[in-house]
Amino acid sequence: MSIVAISETLGSLGTEIGRRVAAARGFELADREIIAKAAERFHEGIGELTHVTEERPTLWERFTDTQRRYMTYVEAILLELAARDNVVLVGRAATLLLRGVGHAMRVRVSAPEDVRAARLQHEQGLTLEAARDLVHQTDRERAARVRFLYHVRCSTTSCSAPTGSAPTGGRGSSARRSTTRASSQRRPRGARSRTSPSRPRRGPRCSRTR
């Protein structure tokens, strides 16, 4: 294992855990540096690239390709860093991007809401109520962003399979079955159904009761 990808909830100390893992293993740590490298490489603003990875897309953004283009820039840097090996990647949907990489350890770091809110209250000098509101808002924003970009539903503890995924057998086979049923029901008037000779009707089945 030479790649560690960490996703975190606000106030869960995921970045601190990543920093300690990198120091213990002698790995490179990449967190905010991911955004800075993408901004420099593709000549975009840090604010715009940060928004695309952390905040809910606006209604207008959902109908343009700007957000996906920005995310492609961030993903390019993530993949470049991952290709070097011996790296800890924190945030920026790295755990989702590296789902198919067998030698990447993907970790979700979280903590109870009250614990996270108390930590933010102490670190940022907020009231407990304001800290709780910030935790809830950030969780919603990040979940909405991931759902928009990757069609994955994330809670504070895990991410589920892509939404709208095809059932067993795939959508194509289901559609073919529906078409077959529909075509078999539409026969010309007077046409005979090609079925086996009818059998004598049996009486109603009776179940044994106790």
Foldseek 3Di string as FASTA:
>chain_A
DFEEEEEEAAQLCRLVVLVVVLVVQVAAEDELVLLVVLCVVVVHDSVLLVCLFFFADDPVRLPDCVSVVSLVSSVVSLVVRVVVTRYYYYGSCSLVSCVPPPPYHYYYGYDDLQNSLVSCCVVVVDDSVVSSVVSVNRQVTNQNSCCSNPQWGDDSHGIDDRPPFADPVGPVVVVVVVVVVVVLVDDDPPDDDPDDDDDDDDDDDDDDDD
